[in-house]
C-alpha atoms as a PDB file:
ATOM      1  CA  MET A   1      39.726 -13.600 -71.283  1.00  0.00           C
ATOM      2  CA  ASP A   2      42.745 -15.684 -72.186  1.00  0.00           C
ATOM      3  CA  PHE A   3      44.196 -16.853 -68.886  1.00  0.00           C
ATOM      4  CA  ARG A   4      46.701 -19.543 -68.090  1.00  0.00           C
ATOM      5  CA  SER A   5      45.206 -21.717 -65.349  1.00  0.00           C
ATOM      6  CA  ASP A   6      47.553 -23.449 -62.909  1.00  0.00           C
ATOM      7  CA  VAL A   7      46.271 -26.739 -61.480  1.00  0.00           C
ATOM      8  CA  ARG A   8      47.809 -25.800 -58.121  1.00  0.00           C
ATOM      9  CA  PHE A   9      45.254 -22.989 -57.818  1.00  0.00           C
ATOM     10  CA  PRO A  10      41.877 -24.419 -58.847  1.00  0.00           C
ATOM     11  CA  GLY A  11      40.121 -21.497 -57.137  1.00  0.00           C
ATOM     12  CA  LEU A  12      41.528 -19.089 -59.702  1.00  0.00           C
ATOM     13  CA  ARG A  13      40.579 -21.380 -62.576  1.00  0.00           C
ATOM     14  CA  ARG A  14      37.069 -21.678 -61.177  1.00  0.00           C
ATOM     15  CA  ALA A  15      36.794 -17.913 -60.696  1.00  0.00           C
ATOM     16  CA  ILE A  16      37.669 -17.348 -64.356  1.00  0.00           C
ATOM     17  CA  GLU A  17      35.039 -19.860 -65.424  1.00  0.00           C
ATOM     18  CA  GLN A  18      32.494 -18.189 -63.138  1.00  0.00           C
ATOM     19  CA  CYS A  19      33.255 -14.779 -64.685  1.00  0.00           C
ATOM     20  CA  ALA A  20      32.166 -16.104 -68.080  1.00  0.00           C
ATOM     21  CA  GLU A  21      29.064 -17.707 -66.558  1.00  0.00           C
ATOM     22  CA  LEU A  22      28.131 -14.497 -64.743  1.00  0.00           C
ATOM     23  CA  ASN A  23      28.587 -12.431 -67.898  1.00  0.00           C
ATOM     24  CA  SER A  24      26.307 -14.789 -69.862  1.00  0.00           C
ATOM     25  CA  HIS A  25      23.690 -14.599 -67.112  1.00  0.00           C
ATOM     26  CA  ILE A  26      23.747 -10.801 -67.002  1.00  0.00           C
ATOM     27  CA  GLU A  27      23.681 -10.344 -70.784  1.00  0.00           C
ATOM     28  CA  GLY A  28      20.809 -12.808 -71.046  1.00  0.00           C
ATOM     29  CA  PHE A  29      18.817 -10.781 -68.552  1.00  0.00           C
ATOM     30  CA  ARG A  30      19.705  -7.451 -70.199  1.00  0.00           C
ATOM     31  CA  SER A  31      18.627  -8.694 -73.638  1.00  0.00           C
ATOM     32  CA  ASP A  32      15.199  -9.787 -72.372  1.00  0.00           C
ATOM     33  CA  PRO A  33      12.591  -7.086 -73.149  1.00  0.00           C
ATOM     34  CA  ASN A  34      10.734  -8.105 -69.984  1.00  0.00           C
ATOM     35  CA  GLY A  35      13.733  -6.988 -67.945  1.00  0.00           C
ATOM     36  CA  ARG A  36      13.620  -3.380 -69.130  1.00  0.00           C
ATOM     37  CA  ALA A  37      12.008  -0.436 -67.392  1.00  0.00           C
ATOM     38  CA  THR A  38       9.481   1.636 -69.348  1.00  0.00           C
ATOM     39  CA  LEU A  39       9.862   5.411 -69.675  1.00  0.00           C
ATOM     40  CA  ARG A  40       7.470   8.335 -69.963  1.00  0.00           C
ATOM     41  CA  ALA A  41       8.235  11.870 -71.119  1.00  0.00           C
ATOM     42  CA  ASP A  42       6.809  15.034 -69.529  1.00  0.00           C
ATOM     43  CA  LEU A  43       7.367  18.432 -71.120  1.00  0.00           C
ATOM     44  CA  ASP A  44       9.094  21.049 -68.983  1.00  0.00           C
ATOM     45  CA  VAL A  45       7.532  24.200 -70.405  1.00  0.00           C
ATOM     46  CA  ASP A  46      10.231  26.578 -69.158  1.00  0.00           C
ATOM     47  CA  SER A  47      13.152  24.743 -70.811  1.00  0.00           C
ATOM     48  CA  GLY A  48      11.364  23.126 -73.741  1.00  0.00           C
ATOM     49  CA  TYR A  49      12.865  19.757 -72.831  1.00  0.00           C
ATOM     50  CA  HIS A  50      10.912  16.583 -72.243  1.00  0.00           C
ATOM     51  CA  ILE A  51      12.002  14.918 -69.017  1.00  0.00           C
ATOM     52  CA  LEU A  52      12.367  11.143 -69.289  1.00  0.00           C
ATOM     53  CA  ARG A  53      11.468   9.322 -66.103  1.00  0.00           C
ATOM     54  CA  ILE A  54      11.037   5.683 -65.210  1.00  0.00           C
ATOM     55  CA  ASP A  55       7.342   4.888 -65.346  1.00  0.00           C
ATOM     56  CA  GLN A  56       7.275   1.157 -64.611  1.00  0.00           C
ATOM     57  CA  ILE A  57      10.011  -1.154 -63.444  1.00  0.00           C
ATOM     58  CA  PRO A  58      10.268  -4.963 -63.334  1.00  0.00           C
ATOM     59  CA  ASP A  59      10.911  -6.778 -60.089  1.00  0.00           C
ATOM     60  CA  TYR A  60      14.710  -7.007 -60.055  1.00  0.00           C
ATOM     61  CA  ARG A  61      15.054  -8.708 -56.680  1.00  0.00           C
ATOM     62  CA  HIS A  62      15.676 -12.206 -58.017  1.00  0.00           C
ATOM     63  CA  ALA A  63      18.145 -10.955 -60.637  1.00  0.00           C
ATOM     64  CA  ILE A  64      20.113  -8.966 -58.062  1.00  0.00           C
ATOM     65  CA  GLU A  65      20.192 -11.949 -55.729  1.00  0.00           C
ATOM     66  CA  GLU A  66      21.515 -14.273 -58.445  1.00  0.00           C
ATOM     67  CA  VAL A  67      24.190 -11.815 -59.563  1.00  0.00           C
ATOM     68  CA  SER A  68      25.258 -11.107 -55.985  1.00  0.00           C
ATOM     69  CA  LEU A  69      25.578 -14.806 -55.197  1.00  0.00           C
ATOM     70  CA  GLY A  70      27.633 -15.434 -58.336  1.00  0.00           C
ATOM     71  CA  LEU A  71      29.792 -12.397 -57.693  1.00  0.00           C
ATOM     72  CA  GLY A  72      30.413 -13.475 -54.109  1.00  0.00           C
ATOM     73  CA  ASP A  73      31.590 -16.894 -55.264  1.00  0.00           C
ATOM     74  CA  ILE A  74      34.065 -15.309 -57.689  1.00  0.00           C
ATOM     75  CA  VAL A  75      35.399 -12.821 -55.142  1.00  0.00           C
ATOM     76  CA  ASN A  76      35.960 -15.490 -52.527  1.00  0.00           C
ATOM     77  CA  ASN A  77      37.667 -17.811 -55.018  1.00  0.00           C
ATOM     78  CA  LEU A  78      40.027 -14.995 -55.984  1.00  0.00           C
ATOM     79  CA  ARG A  79      40.738 -14.122 -52.362  1.00  0.00           C
ATOM     80  CA  CYS A  80      41.318 -17.780 -51.470  1.00  0.00           C
ATOM     81  CA  SER A  81      43.659 -18.188 -54.431  1.00  0.00           C
ATOM     82  CA  LEU A  82      45.913 -15.467 -53.060  1.00  0.00           C
ATOM     83  CA  ASP A  83      45.807 -17.019 -49.589  1.00  0.00           C
ATOM     84  CA  HIS A  84      46.675 -20.416 -51.090  1.00  0.00           C
ATOM     85  CA  LEU A  85      49.608 -18.781 -52.853  1.00  0.00           C
ATOM     86  CA  ALA A  86      50.859 -17.335 -49.577  1.00  0.00           C
ATOM     87  CA  TRP A  87      50.427 -20.731 -47.891  1.00  0.00           C
ATOM     88  CA  GLN A  88      52.443 -22.482 -50.592  1.00  0.00           C
ATOM     89  CA  TYR A  89      55.403 -20.134 -50.142  1.00  0.00           C
ATOM     90  CA  ALA A  90      55.069 -20.147 -46.362  1.00  0.00           C
ATOM     91  CA  CYS A  91      55.371 -23.952 -46.370  1.00  0.00           C
ATOM     92  CA  ALA A  92      58.397 -23.722 -48.674  1.00  0.00           C
ATOM     93  CA  HIS A  93      60.049 -21.196 -46.337  1.00  0.00           C
ATOM     94  CA  ALA A  94      59.307 -23.346 -43.269  1.00  0.00           C
ATOM     95  CA  LYS A  95      60.302 -26.547 -45.089  1.00  0.00           C
ATOM     96  CA  GLY A  96      57.049 -27.996 -43.821  1.00  0.00           C
ATOM     97  CA  THR A  97      54.058 -26.604 -41.943  1.00  0.00           C
ATOM     98  CA  PRO A  98      54.543 -22.984 -40.776  1.00  0.00           C
ATOM     99  CA  ARG A  99      54.916 -22.492 -37.013  1.00  0.00           C
ATOM    100  CA  LYS A 100      51.711 -20.393 -36.824  1.00  0.00           C
ATOM    101  CA  PRO A 101      49.560 -21.678 -39.688  1.00  0.00           C
ATOM    102  CA  ARG A 102      46.545 -19.527 -38.768  1.00  0.00           C
ATOM    103  CA  ASP A 103      48.621 -16.397 -39.296  1.00  0.00           C
ATOM    104  CA  VAL A 104      49.406 -17.258 -42.910  1.00  0.00           C
ATOM    105  CA  TYR A 105      47.437 -15.334 -45.552  1.00  0.00           C
ATOM    106  CA  PHE A 106      48.113 -12.953 -48.420  1.00  0.00           C
ATOM    107  CA  ILE A 107      49.159  -9.794 -46.589  1.00  0.00           C
ATOM    108  CA  THR A 108      47.853  -6.362 -47.603  1.00  0.00           C
ATOM    109  CA  CYS A 109      50.313  -3.512 -47.030  1.00  0.00           C
ATOM    110  CA  ASN A 110      48.840  -0.003 -46.896  1.00  0.00           C
ATOM    111  CA  ALA A 111      51.815   1.705 -45.270  1.00  0.00           C
ATOM    112  CA  ALA A 112      51.928   5.400 -46.137  1.00  0.00           C
ATOM    113  CA  GLY A 113      55.036   7.425 -46.846  1.00  0.00           C
ATOM    114  CA  GLY A 114      57.468   7.285 -43.932  1.00  0.00           C
ATOM    115  CA  GLN A 115      55.737   4.320 -42.295  1.00  0.00           C
ATOM    116  CA  GLN A 116      57.390   0.941 -41.892  1.00  0.00           C
ATOM    117  CA  HIS A 117      56.563  -1.740 -44.417  1.00  0.00           C
ATOM    118  CA  LYS A 118      56.565  -4.745 -42.114  1.00  0.00           C
ATOM    119  CA  ALA A 119      57.494  -7.990 -43.861  1.00  0.00           C
ATOM    120  CA  PRO A 120      55.682 -11.143 -42.714  1.00  0.00           C
ATOM    121  CA  GLY A 121      58.020 -13.607 -41.015  1.00  0.00           C
ATOM    122  CA  PHE A 122      56.433 -16.629 -42.665  1.00  0.00           C
ATOM    123  CA  LEU A 123      57.698 -15.674 -46.158  1.00  0.00           C
ATOM    124  CA  ALA A 124      61.200 -15.650 -47.591  1.00  0.00           C
ATOM    125  CA  PRO A 125      62.453 -12.083 -48.266  1.00  0.00           C
ATOM    126  CA  GLN A 126      62.615 -12.762 -52.016  1.00  0.00           C
ATOM    127  CA  VAL A 127      58.992 -13.901 -52.076  1.00  0.00           C
ATOM    128  CA  TRP A 128      57.737 -10.992 -49.998  1.00  0.00           C
ATOM    129  CA  GLY A 129      59.675  -8.603 -52.247  1.00  0.00           C
ATOM    130  CA  ARG A 130      57.723  -9.815 -55.259  1.00  0.00           C
ATOM    131  CA  MET A 131      54.381  -9.743 -53.396  1.00  0.00           C
ATOM    132  CA  HIS A 132      55.129  -6.302 -52.022  1.00  0.00           C
ATOM    133  CA  ALA A 133      55.407  -4.886 -55.547  1.00  0.00           C
ATOM    134  CA  TYR A 134      51.660  -5.474 -55.963  1.00  0.00           C
ATOM    135  CA  GLN A 135      50.559  -3.892 -52.697  1.00  0.00           C
ATOM    136  CA  PRO A 136      48.386  -0.765 -52.297  1.00  0.00           C
ATOM    137  CA  CYS A 137      51.327   1.013 -50.630  1.00  0.00           C
ATOM    138  CA  GLN A 138      53.020   1.098 -54.050  1.00  0.00           C
ATOM    139  CA  GLY A 139      50.301   3.367 -55.464  1.00  0.00           C
ATOM    140  CA  VAL A 140      48.751   3.063 -58.906  1.00  0.00           C
ATOM    141  CA  ASN A 141      51.952   1.460 -60.236  1.00  0.00           C
ATOM    142  CA  GLY A 142      50.734   1.159 -63.813  1.00  0.00           C
ATOM    143  CA  ARG A 143      47.376  -0.332 -62.818  1.00  0.00           C
ATOM    144  CA  PRO A 144      44.898   2.568 -62.942  1.00  0.00           C
ATOM    145  CA  ASP A 145      41.246   2.223 -62.068  1.00  0.00           C
ATOM    146  CA  SER A 146      39.293   3.208 -65.177  1.00  0.00           C
ATOM    147  CA  TRP A 147      35.829   2.945 -63.659  1.00  0.00           C
ATOM    148  CA  SER A 148      33.664   5.618 -62.098  1.00  0.00           C
ATOM    149  CA  GLY A 149      34.127   6.622 -58.504  1.00  0.00           C
ATOM    150  CA  PRO A 150      37.349   7.324 -56.628  1.00  0.00           C
ATOM    151  CA  TYR A 151      40.451   5.253 -57.349  1.00  0.00           C
ATOM    152  CA  ILE A 152      40.779   2.036 -55.383  1.00  0.00           C
ATOM    153  CA  HIS A 153      43.656  -0.427 -55.615  1.00  0.00           C
ATOM    154  CA  GLN A 154      42.741  -3.890 -56.891  1.00  0.00           C
ATOM    155  CA  LEU A 155      43.805  -5.633 -53.699  1.00  0.00           C
ATOM    156  CA  ASP A 156      41.864  -3.170 -51.531  1.00  0.00           C
ATOM    157  CA  LEU A 157      38.783  -3.603 -53.713  1.00  0.00           C
ATOM    158  CA  LEU A 158      39.069  -7.383 -53.592  1.00  0.00           C
ATOM    159  CA  THR A 159      39.408  -7.287 -49.816  1.00  0.00           C
ATOM    160  CA  ASP A 160      36.437  -4.921 -49.447  1.00  0.00           C
ATOM    161  CA  LEU A 161      34.247  -7.075 -51.667  1.00  0.00           C
ATOM    162  CA  SER A 162      35.248 -10.239 -49.832  1.00  0.00           C
ATOM    163  CA  ASN A 163      34.409  -8.659 -46.481  1.00  0.00           C
ATOM    164  CA  SER A 164      31.148  -7.172 -47.776  1.00  0.00           C
ATOM    165  CA  ASP A 165      30.010 -10.499 -49.183  1.00  0.00           C
ATOM    166  CA  LYS A 166      29.756 -11.832 -45.651  1.00  0.00           C
ATOM    167  CA  HIS A 167      27.325  -9.097 -44.595  1.00  0.00           C
ATOM    168  CA  HIS A 168      25.737  -7.402 -47.628  1.00  0.00           C
ATOM    169  CA  MET A 169      24.405  -7.994 -51.123  1.00  0.00           C
ATOM    170  CA  LEU A 170      27.306  -7.111 -53.408  1.00  0.00           C
ATOM    171  CA  ALA A 171      25.523  -6.100 -56.593  1.00  0.00           C
ATOM    172  CA  HIS A 172      22.757  -3.610 -57.229  1.00  0.00           C
ATOM    173  CA  ILE A 173      21.093  -2.316 -60.397  1.00  0.00           C
ATOM    174  CA  GLU A 174      21.375   1.111 -61.947  1.00  0.00           C
ATOM    175  CA  LEU A 175      19.698   2.561 -65.040  1.00  0.00           C
ATOM    176  CA  HIS A 176      22.268   4.740 -66.750  1.00  0.00           C
ATOM    177  CA  ALA A 177      21.461   7.443 -69.265  1.00  0.00           C
ATOM    178  CA  ASN A 178      23.330   5.722 -72.092  1.00  0.00           C
ATOM    179  CA  GLN A 179      21.290   2.540 -71.672  1.00  0.00           C
ATOM    180  CA  PHE A 180      17.911   3.706 -72.990  1.00  0.00           C
ATOM    181  CA  THR A 181      16.002   3.864 -76.271  1.00  0.00           C
ATOM    182  CA  THR A 182      13.068   6.068 -77.298  1.00  0.00           C
ATOM    183  CA  ILE A 183      10.659   6.581 -80.143  1.00  0.00           C
ATOM    184  CA  ALA A 184      11.935   8.781 -82.969  1.00  0.00           C
ATOM    185  CA  THR A 185      12.959  12.283 -81.894  1.00  0.00           C
ATOM    186  CA  ARG A 186      13.299  13.848 -85.368  1.00  0.00           C
ATOM    187  CA  ALA A 187      11.687  13.416 -88.779  1.00  0.00           C
ATOM    188  CA  ASP A 188      14.772  13.909 -90.946  1.00  0.00           C
ATOM    189  CA  SER A 189      18.432  12.907 -90.973  1.00  0.00           C
ATOM    190  CA  PRO A 190      21.441  15.119 -90.154  1.00  0.00           C
ATOM    191  CA  PRO A 191      22.881  16.946 -93.197  1.00  0.00           C
ATOM    192  CA  TRP A 192      25.911  14.633 -93.247  1.00  0.00           C
ATOM    193  CA  PHE A 193      23.704  11.657 -94.133  1.00  0.00           C
ATOM    194  CA  GLU A 194      22.155  11.232 -97.562  1.00  0.00           C
ATOM    195  CA  ARG A 195      19.412   8.732 -98.281  1.00  0.00           C
ATOM    196  CA  THR A 196      19.957   6.715-101.439  1.00  0.00           C
ATOM    197  CA  GLU A 197      18.177   3.785-103.089  1.00  0.00           C
ATOM    198  CA  SER A 198      20.572   1.383-101.384  1.00  0.00           C
ATOM    199  CA  GLY A 199      20.337   2.968 -97.924  1.00  0.00           C
ATOM    200  CA  VAL A 200      22.083   5.840 -96.157  1.00  0.00           C
ATOM    201  CA  LYS A 201      25.362   7.386 -97.322  1.00  0.00           C
ATOM    202  CA  LEU A 202      27.729   9.320 -95.035  1.00  0.00           C
ATOM    203  CA  LEU A 203      28.972  12.674 -96.366  1.00  0.00           C
ATOM    204  CA  PRO A 204      32.132  13.406 -94.325  1.00  0.00           C
ATOM    205  CA  GLU A 205      32.566  16.854 -95.867  1.00  0.00           C
ATOM    206  CA  ARG A 206      29.294  17.985 -94.229  1.00  0.00           C
ATOM    207  CA  VAL A 207      29.830  16.767 -90.663  1.00  0.00           C
ATOM    208  CA  ASN A 208      30.333  20.366 -89.467  1.00  0.00           C
ATOM    209  CA  ASP A 209      27.233  21.760 -91.201  1.00  0.00           C
ATOM    210  CA  PRO A 210      24.449  23.217 -89.016  1.00  0.00           C
ATOM    211  CA  ASP A 211      21.771  20.699 -88.086  1.00  0.00           C
ATOM    212  CA  PRO A 212      18.547  22.624 -87.474  1.00  0.00           C
ATOM    213  CA  GLY A 213      16.492  19.461 -86.984  1.00  0.00           C
ATOM    214  CA  SER A 214      18.702  17.924 -84.328  1.00  0.00           C
ATOM    215  CA  ASP A 215      17.603  16.863 -80.896  1.00  0.00           C
ATOM    216  CA  HIS A 216      19.469  17.856 -77.724  1.00  0.00           C
ATOM    217  CA  LEU A 217      20.217  15.623 -74.754  1.00  0.00           C
ATOM    218  CA  ASP A 218      20.887  16.683 -71.176  1.00  0.00           C
ATOM    219  CA  PHE A 219      22.132  14.061 -68.692  1.00  0.00           C
ATOM    220  CA  SER A 220      23.064  16.476 -65.905  1.00  0.00           C
ATOM    221  CA  HIS A 221      19.933  15.661 -63.869  1.00  0.00           C
ATOM    222  CA  ALA A 222      20.020  11.879 -64.360  1.00  0.00           C
ATOM    223  CA  SER A 223      19.935  10.024 -61.051  1.00  0.00           C
ATOM    224  CA  GLY A 224      21.116   6.582 -62.163  1.00  0.00           C
ATOM    225  CA  LEU A 225      18.562   5.020 -59.836  1.00  0.00           C
ATOM    226  CA  ALA A 226      16.425   2.055 -60.793  1.00  0.00           C
ATOM    227  CA  GLU A 227      13.176   3.240 -59.250  1.00  0.00           C
ATOM    228  CA  VAL A 228       9.861   4.634 -60.425  1.00  0.00           C
ATOM    229  CA  GLY A 229      10.021   8.385 -60.962  1.00  0.00           C
ATOM    230  CA  ALA A 230      13.815   8.530 -61.301  1.00  0.00           C
ATOM    231  CA  GLU A 231      15.029  10.814 -64.080  1.00  0.00           C
ATOM    232  CA  VAL A 232      16.988   9.204 -66.922  1.00  0.00           C
ATOM    233  CA  ALA A 233      17.594  12.151 -69.254  1.00  0.00           C
ATOM    234  CA  ARG A 234      16.118  15.315 -70.761  1.00  0.00           C
ATOM    235  CA  ILE A 235      15.509  15.635 -74.501  1.00  0.00           C
ATOM    236  CA  ARG A 236      14.584  18.579 -76.692  1.00  0.00           C
ATOM    237  CA  ALA A 237      13.038  16.646 -79.566  1.00  0.00           C
ATOM    238  CA  PRO A 238      11.560  18.438 -82.624  1.00  0.00           C
ATOM    239  CA  LEU A 239       9.217  15.539 -83.361  1.00  0.00           C
ATOM    240  CA  TRP A 240       7.743  15.638 -79.858  1.00  0.00           C
ATOM    241  CA  THR A 241       6.629  19.272 -80.076  1.00  0.00           C
ATOM    242  CA  GLY A 242       2.967  19.648 -79.126  1.00  0.00           C
ATOM    243  CA  HIS A 243       2.953  16.544 -76.921  1.00  0.00           C
ATOM    244  CA  PRO A 244       3.139  17.597 -73.263  1.00  0.00           C
ATOM    245  CA  VAL A 245       3.054  13.951 -72.135  1.00  0.00           C
ATOM    246  CA  ILE A 246       4.191  10.804 -73.965  1.00  0.00           C
ATOM    247  CA  ALA A 247       3.155   7.839 -71.844  1.00  0.00           C
ATOM    248  CA  ARG A 248       5.375   5.079 -73.289  1.00  0.00           C
ATOM    249  CA  VAL A 249       8.251   6.888 -74.900  1.00  0.00           C
ATOM    250  CA  GLY A 250      10.908   4.178 -74.564  1.00  0.00           C
ATOM    251  CA  THR A 251      12.699   1.703 -72.342  1.00  0.00           C
ATOM    252  CA  ALA A 252      15.810   1.618 -70.148  1.00  0.00           C
ATOM    253  CA  THR A 253      18.118  -1.381 -69.857  1.00  0.00           C
ATOM    254  CA  PRO A 254      19.443  -2.287 -66.394  1.00  0.00           C
ATOM    255  CA  LEU A 255      23.138  -2.064 -65.602  1.00  0.00           C
ATOM    256  CA  PHE A 256      24.424  -4.373 -62.876  1.00  0.00           C
ATOM    257  CA  ALA A 257      26.890  -2.374 -60.841  1.00  0.00           C
ATOM    258  CA  LEU A 258      28.891  -2.298 -57.660  1.00  0.00           C
ATOM    259  CA  PRO A 259      28.869   0.727 -55.349  1.00  0.00           C
ATOM    260  CA  GLU A 260      30.076   3.936 -57.027  1.00  0.00           C
ATOM    261  CA  GLY A 261      28.845   2.666 -60.392  1.00  0.00           C
ATOM    262  CA  ARG A 262      31.614   0.144 -61.070  1.00  0.00           C
ATOM    263  CA  PRO A 263      30.266  -2.334 -63.668  1.00  0.00           C
ATOM    264  CA  VAL A 264      30.127  -5.861 -62.252  1.00  0.00           C
ATOM    265  CA  VAL A 265      31.632  -7.960 -65.036  1.00  0.00           C
ATOM    266  CA  GLU A 266      34.369  -5.542 -66.131  1.00  0.00           C
ATOM    267  CA  THR A 267      35.412  -4.965 -62.522  1.00  0.00           C
ATOM    268  CA  ILE A 268      35.585  -8.640 -61.623  1.00  0.00           C
ATOM    269  CA  GLN A 269      37.522  -9.391 -64.818  1.00  0.00           C
ATOM    270  CA  ARG A 270      40.005  -6.704 -63.849  1.00  0.00           C
ATOM    271  CA  LEU A 271      40.443  -8.296 -60.425  1.00  0.00           C
ATOM    272  CA  SER A 272      40.878 -11.740 -61.986  1.00  0.00           C
ATOM    273  CA  GLU A 273      43.602 -10.398 -64.266  1.00  0.00           C
ATOM    274  CA  PHE A 274      45.314  -8.827 -61.243  1.00  0.00           C
ATOM    275  CA  VAL A 275      45.328 -12.110 -59.308  1.00  0.00           C
ATOM    276  CA  GLN A 276      46.541 -14.013 -62.376  1.00  0.00           C
ATOM    277  CA  THR A 277      49.391 -11.521 -62.864  1.00  0.00           C
ATOM    278  CA  ILE A 278      50.558 -11.939 -59.271  1.00  0.00           C
ATOM    279  CA  MET A 279      50.542 -15.722 -59.540  1.00  0.00           C
ATOM    280  CA  ASP A 280      52.365 -15.761 -62.858  1.00  0.00           C
ATOM    281  CA  ASP A 281      54.987 -13.356 -61.505  1.00  0.00           C
ATOM    282  CA  LEU A 282      55.564 -15.271 -58.260  1.00  0.00           C
ATOM    283  CA  GLN A 283      55.870 -18.595 -60.053  1.00  0.00           C
ATOM    284  CA  GLN A 284      58.330 -17.121 -62.567  1.00  0.00           C
ATOM    285  CA  TYR A 285      60.695 -15.436 -60.097  1.00  0.00           C
ATOM    286  CA  CYS A 286      60.124 -17.516 -56.971  1.00  0.00           C
ATOM    287  CA  PRO A 287      59.517 -21.095 -58.176  1.00  0.00           C
END
C-alpha cells in the first residue's frame, strides 16, 4: 500500500507498518507445508463423486493467537488515530482544551432516514460536515464491501473489531475450497491444450470442444471449517475410478479470516485506506 503518513498521527503510520508485518507473518505460515491440513477422498457410490474431507490438521492455536494479537494492535491503532483526529479539531474549536475532554472521540452516526443527525458540540460545523460524509448513516457512498457476508460500513466494522478485541480472539482459520491441491485427477489434457516438444500449447479455437476426460468439482457441500472430518469439496475424477478410498489425496491451505469469512489482511488494508482517506480529506478542507 502506498500511503502518505502524517507525523501528527503516528498510530496510523504504525498501523500501516503492522499491516505489512501481519501479511508477511500470515504468508510465511501459509507457505509452510507443515501448516497445511491433509485430505482423504471417499467415494460416494450413488453420485460417483469422491468426497474430500480433512483427515489430519495441524495445531493452529499458536498461529491464531499471533494473528489475533497483531490484528488487535492494528485495529486499536486505527481507532485511536480517528480519536486523535477528533481531539485535534476539538482543541482547535475550543482554542485550548475542550470543556469536557472525556466526551471527545470520533463520533459514529447511524441515524436512519427521518432521524436527527446530532452534531457533536465539540467540533466546528465545517469539521463535522466533513466527518459526517464518512459516517454509516450516509450508506455505501461509493465504498462497497466486496467481501463475503452481509455489507458492513467500514466505520461500523472498525468499531466492532475494536470492541471485540477487548473480549474475544479476533481471527480464526477457515479452509476454503479454492485453497486445496490434490493428486492428478485425469490422465490427459483438455482438447484445447496440445503437448509439444517445448511444452504445452494453447489452442484457443478448441476451447468450446467437448472434454470427455474432464473432472467435475462440487463445492456446494463445503463447510469451510478447519476441523477433522469437515468437507472441502467433491470431485468426479476419471483417474480415481476404482479407488473407493484414497488416504492422502492432497492438502488444504489455511485461510485466516474474520467472522463471515472476511479475509484478515485484505479487510484490515481496506480499513486502513478508509482511515487514511478521512485524515487526508479533513486536513485538506479543514486545516
